[in-house]
Amino acid sequence: MLEVYGCLDNVAMVTLAPELAGSQTVVEELWHSMANLSQAEEAVQQGATFITHLFNAMLPFHHRDPGIVGLLTSDRIPGDRFVFYGMIADGIHTNPAALRIAHRAHPAGLVLVTDAITAMGLPPGHHTLGQQVIEIQGFHAYVAGTTTLSGSIATMDMCVRHFKHASGCSVPEALEAASLHPAQLLGISSRKGSLQYKCDADLVLLDDELNVKATFISGEEVWRK
């Protein structure tokens, strides 16, 4: 990794497929992978704490070997480990039933992610993502000329609303999946992810439908609709 990326001093997390040779020495997140449950459990025992994009581009769930998905209910997780998992709750990447299954199996570990690309907020048509041409059709982001998804154009508030609707969870549960849980995953919950005393005053003001009305950074209003 050092040969490819150079200095890793400012890297917060590394995500790899745990079945790859040598990955057990560095893996912190389990990503697009063909790992079976045993390989996934070994990765957690070696220090992995997060499953990136649960259900997407990984070995499908099977009753004899549930693959990485099985970590949500595994009895081989060390007592000092807690597994978090990311869900792309954009209504496209993950079927609502799969979202409900994951949430009901392990609600405290769910972390909402957008998987948003640079085309988020841009009009339908062709855009670029690095050297790749992306086509936006409605709420879908495709590799141009194909039906292959290439990220998402969902915003976090869209994911929060969809997650609440699809899972039937409470408003606090939906908000914690986008705030407290990711802060806990990153080990910064003492200052991020909640409204506790001494936490950073980085806030969003929402209406009753969970639409963003204003944002605050360090207690200062920086945007209002």
Protein backbone atom coordinates (compact mmCIF):
# COMPACT_ATOMS: atom_id res chain seq x y z
CA MET A 1 0.00 0.00 0.00
CA LEU A 2 2.83 2.38 0.77
CA GLU A 3 4.28 1.73 -2.68
CA VAL A 4 0.98 2.73 -4.30
CA TYR A 5 -0.25 5.53 -2.05
CA GLY A 6 2.87 6.75 -0.28
CA CYS A 7 2.43 8.25 3.18
CA LEU A 8 -0.70 7.09 5.02
CA ASP A 9 -0.42 9.49 7.95
CA ASN A 10 -3.75 11.19 7.21
CA VAL A 11 -5.67 8.02 6.33
CA ALA A 12 -8.49 7.31 8.80
CA MET A 13 -9.57 3.90 7.49
CA VAL A 14 -8.55 1.28 4.93
CA THR A 15 -11.06 -0.97 3.19
CA LEU A 16 -10.09 -4.22 1.48
CA ALA A 17 -11.50 -7.57 0.42
CA PRO A 18 -10.42 -9.82 3.34
CA GLU A 19 -9.92 -12.90 1.18
CA LEU A 20 -7.04 -11.27 -0.70
CA ALA A 21 -3.55 -12.43 0.18
CA GLY A 22 -1.94 -10.18 2.78
CA SER A 23 -5.12 -8.23 3.54
CA GLN A 24 -5.41 -9.62 7.07
CA THR A 25 -2.43 -7.55 8.15
CA VAL A 26 -4.02 -4.21 7.28
CA VAL A 27 -7.77 -4.62 6.86
CA GLU A 28 -9.99 -2.26 8.87
CA GLU A 29 -13.05 -2.34 6.63
CA LEU A 30 -14.52 -5.19 4.59
CA TRP A 31 -15.39 -4.03 1.09
CA HIS A 32 -16.63 -5.49 -2.23
CA SER A 33 -15.64 -9.04 -1.63
CA MET A 34 -16.21 -12.74 -2.27
CA ALA A 35 -15.23 -13.63 1.31
CA ASN A 36 -17.10 -16.38 3.11
CA LEU A 37 -18.23 -16.01 6.72
CA SER A 38 -15.12 -17.65 8.19
CA GLN A 39 -12.84 -15.26 6.30
CA ALA A 40 -14.97 -12.31 7.41
CA GLU A 41 -14.91 -13.46 11.05
CA GLU A 42 -11.14 -13.84 10.90
CA ALA A 43 -10.86 -10.29 9.57
CA VAL A 44 -12.89 -9.00 12.53
CA GLN A 45 -10.72 -10.98 14.92
CA GLN A 46 -7.71 -9.26 13.31
CA GLY A 47 -9.25 -5.82 13.87
CA ALA A 48 -11.80 -5.09 11.13
CA THR A 49 -14.71 -3.01 12.43
CA PHE A 50 -16.78 -1.98 9.42
CA ILE A 51 -18.54 -3.56 6.45
CA THR A 52 -18.61 -1.20 3.48
CA HIS A 53 -21.84 -1.16 1.43
CA LEU A 54 -23.51 -4.22 2.92
CA PHE A 55 -25.09 -6.50 0.29
CA ASN A 56 -23.49 -4.64 -2.66
CA ALA A 57 -20.83 -6.44 -4.73
CA MET A 58 -20.24 -9.19 -2.21
CA LEU A 59 -20.98 -12.89 -1.94
CA PRO A 60 -24.78 -13.25 -1.78
CA PHE A 61 -26.39 -14.54 1.40
CA HIS A 62 -26.72 -18.34 1.45
CA HIS A 63 -28.18 -20.39 4.27
CA ARG A 64 -25.08 -22.63 4.45
CA ASP A 65 -22.62 -19.76 4.27
CA PRO A 66 -24.09 -16.28 4.69
CA GLY A 67 -20.79 -14.60 3.74
CA ILE A 68 -19.97 -11.17 5.10
CA VAL A 69 -23.67 -10.54 5.84
CA GLY A 70 -23.42 -13.24 8.50
CA LEU A 71 -21.26 -10.96 10.65
CA LEU A 72 -24.41 -9.14 11.75
CA THR A 73 -25.41 -12.13 13.90
CA SER A 74 -22.11 -14.03 14.21
CA ASP A 75 -21.25 -15.56 17.60
CA ARG A 76 -17.53 -15.43 16.80
CA ILE A 77 -17.11 -11.69 17.27
CA PRO A 78 -14.63 -11.03 20.12
CA GLY A 79 -16.10 -9.35 23.16
CA ASP A 80 -13.97 -6.24 22.62
CA ARG A 81 -15.12 -5.84 19.00
CA PHE A 82 -18.24 -4.19 17.60
CA VAL A 83 -19.09 -4.51 13.93
CA PHE A 84 -20.61 -1.54 12.10
CA TYR A 85 -21.94 -1.78 8.56
CA GLY A 86 -22.73 0.79 5.88
CA MET A 87 -26.01 0.80 3.98
CA ILE A 88 -26.62 2.80 0.80
CA ALA A 89 -30.20 3.77 1.62
CA ASP A 90 -30.93 5.58 -1.65
CA GLY A 91 -33.83 3.35 -2.66
CA ILE A 92 -31.79 1.98 -5.57
CA HIS A 93 -28.76 0.07 -4.30
CA THR A 94 -30.60 -1.89 -1.61
CA ASN A 95 -34.11 -3.31 -1.62
CA PRO A 96 -36.21 -2.06 1.33
CA ALA A 97 -36.65 -5.65 2.55
CA ALA A 98 -32.87 -6.10 2.73
CA LEU A 99 -32.59 -2.80 4.58
CA ARG A 100 -35.17 -4.00 7.12
CA ILE A 101 -33.44 -7.36 7.58
CA ALA A 102 -30.11 -5.72 8.33
CA HIS A 103 -31.59 -3.12 10.66
CA ARG A 104 -33.61 -5.64 12.65
CA ALA A 105 -30.64 -7.98 12.94
CA HIS A 106 -28.16 -5.37 14.16
CA PRO A 107 -29.70 -1.89 14.59
CA ALA A 108 -26.89 -0.38 16.66
CA GLY A 109 -24.32 -1.04 13.94
CA LEU A 110 -26.09 0.54 10.97
CA VAL A 111 -24.31 3.49 9.36
CA LEU A 112 -26.08 5.33 6.55
CA VAL A 113 -23.88 6.20 3.58
CA THR A 114 -24.81 8.00 0.37
CA ASP A 115 -22.16 6.58 -2.02
CA ALA A 116 -22.66 9.94 -3.74
CA ILE A 117 -20.41 10.90 -6.63
CA THR A 118 -19.49 14.30 -8.08
CA ALA A 119 -22.70 14.36 -10.15
CA MET A 120 -24.83 14.75 -7.02
CA GLY A 121 -26.99 17.84 -7.44
CA LEU A 122 -26.30 18.11 -11.17
CA PRO A 123 -29.00 17.81 -13.85
CA PRO A 124 -29.70 14.62 -15.85
CA GLY A 125 -27.25 13.90 -18.67
CA HIS A 126 -23.60 12.99 -19.03
CA HIS A 127 -20.96 13.91 -16.45
CA THR A 128 -17.46 12.73 -15.61
CA LEU A 129 -16.16 10.73 -12.66
CA GLY A 130 -12.42 10.70 -13.00
CA GLN A 131 -11.83 9.28 -16.47
CA GLN A 132 -15.25 7.62 -16.58
CA VAL A 133 -18.35 9.08 -18.24
CA ILE A 134 -21.45 8.86 -16.04
CA GLU A 135 -25.04 9.19 -17.19
CA ILE A 136 -27.66 10.49 -14.76
CA GLN A 137 -31.18 9.20 -15.37
CA GLY A 138 -33.63 10.27 -12.69
CA PHE A 139 -32.09 9.19 -9.38
CA HIS A 140 -29.80 6.62 -11.05
CA ALA A 141 -26.12 7.09 -11.86
CA TYR A 142 -24.94 4.70 -14.58
CA VAL A 143 -21.72 4.09 -16.43
CA ALA A 144 -22.68 5.80 -19.69
CA GLY A 145 -24.23 3.44 -22.22
CA THR A 146 -24.83 0.68 -19.67
CA THR A 147 -27.15 -0.18 -16.80
CA THR A 148 -24.22 -0.60 -14.40
CA LEU A 149 -24.59 1.59 -11.34
CA SER A 150 -21.71 3.95 -10.68
CA GLY A 151 -22.27 5.34 -7.23
CA SER A 152 -25.26 7.40 -6.26
CA ILE A 153 -26.55 10.96 -6.41
CA ALA A 154 -28.46 10.72 -3.13
CA THR A 155 -27.91 13.24 -0.35
CA MET A 156 -27.70 12.19 3.28
CA ASP A 157 -31.07 13.69 4.18
CA MET A 158 -32.65 11.67 1.34
CA CYS A 159 -31.08 8.51 2.79
CA VAL A 160 -32.33 9.33 6.29
CA ARG A 161 -35.89 9.81 5.03
CA HIS A 162 -35.81 6.63 2.93
CA PHE A 163 -34.32 4.59 5.78
CA LYS A 164 -37.01 5.73 8.20
CA HIS A 165 -39.78 5.00 5.70
CA ALA A 166 -38.40 1.62 4.60
CA SER A 167 -37.46 0.30 8.04
CA GLY A 168 -40.26 1.79 10.11
CA CYS A 169 -37.69 2.94 12.66
CA SER A 170 -38.13 5.96 14.89
CA VAL A 171 -36.84 9.43 14.04
CA PRO A 172 -34.04 9.18 16.66
CA GLU A 173 -32.93 5.81 15.22
CA ALA A 174 -32.83 7.23 11.69
CA LEU A 175 -30.83 10.27 12.80
CA GLU A 176 -28.39 8.24 14.89
CA ALA A 177 -27.60 6.05 11.88
CA ALA A 178 -26.38 9.21 10.11
CA SER A 179 -24.64 10.83 13.06
CA LEU A 180 -23.91 8.91 16.26
CA HIS A 181 -23.10 5.55 14.70
CA PRO A 182 -20.51 6.86 12.20
CA ALA A 183 -18.95 8.92 15.01
CA GLN A 184 -18.72 5.80 17.17
CA LEU A 185 -17.17 3.88 14.28
CA LEU A 186 -14.48 6.54 13.84
CA GLY A 187 -13.85 6.81 17.57
CA ILE A 188 -14.85 10.48 17.75
CA SER A 189 -18.21 10.23 19.54
CA SER A 190 -16.84 12.28 22.44
CA ARG A 191 -17.08 15.34 20.19
CA LYS A 192 -19.21 14.38 17.17
CA GLY A 193 -22.51 12.66 16.51
CA SER A 194 -24.64 13.93 19.38
CA LEU A 195 -25.79 17.01 21.27
CA GLN A 196 -23.99 16.08 24.46
CA TYR A 197 -22.14 18.68 26.53
CA LYS A 198 -18.70 19.53 25.08
CA CYS A 199 -19.51 18.04 21.67
CA ASP A 200 -18.79 20.21 18.63
CA ALA A 201 -21.75 22.39 17.71
CA ASP A 202 -21.94 21.09 14.13
CA LEU A 203 -25.69 20.79 13.60
CA VAL A 204 -28.46 20.46 11.05
CA LEU A 205 -31.93 21.88 11.62
CA LEU A 206 -34.68 19.66 10.19
CA ASP A 207 -38.41 20.05 9.74
CA ASP A 208 -40.97 17.41 10.74
CA GLU A 209 -40.44 15.64 7.38
CA LEU A 210 -36.66 15.49 7.95
CA ASN A 211 -35.86 18.05 5.27
CA VAL A 212 -32.81 20.20 5.99
CA LYS A 213 -33.71 23.79 6.85
CA ALA A 214 -30.36 25.08 8.15
CA THR A 215 -26.82 23.98 8.95
CA PHE A 216 -24.43 25.16 11.64
CA ILE A 217 -20.67 24.74 11.99
CA SER A 218 -19.11 25.44 15.41
CA GLY A 219 -22.41 26.97 16.44
CA GLU A 220 -22.48 29.45 13.55
CA GLU A 221 -25.25 29.28 10.97
CA VAL A 222 -23.66 28.78 7.54
CA TRP A 223 -26.72 27.97 5.41
CA ARG A 224 -30.49 28.37 5.60
CA LYS A 225 -33.17 27.41 3.13
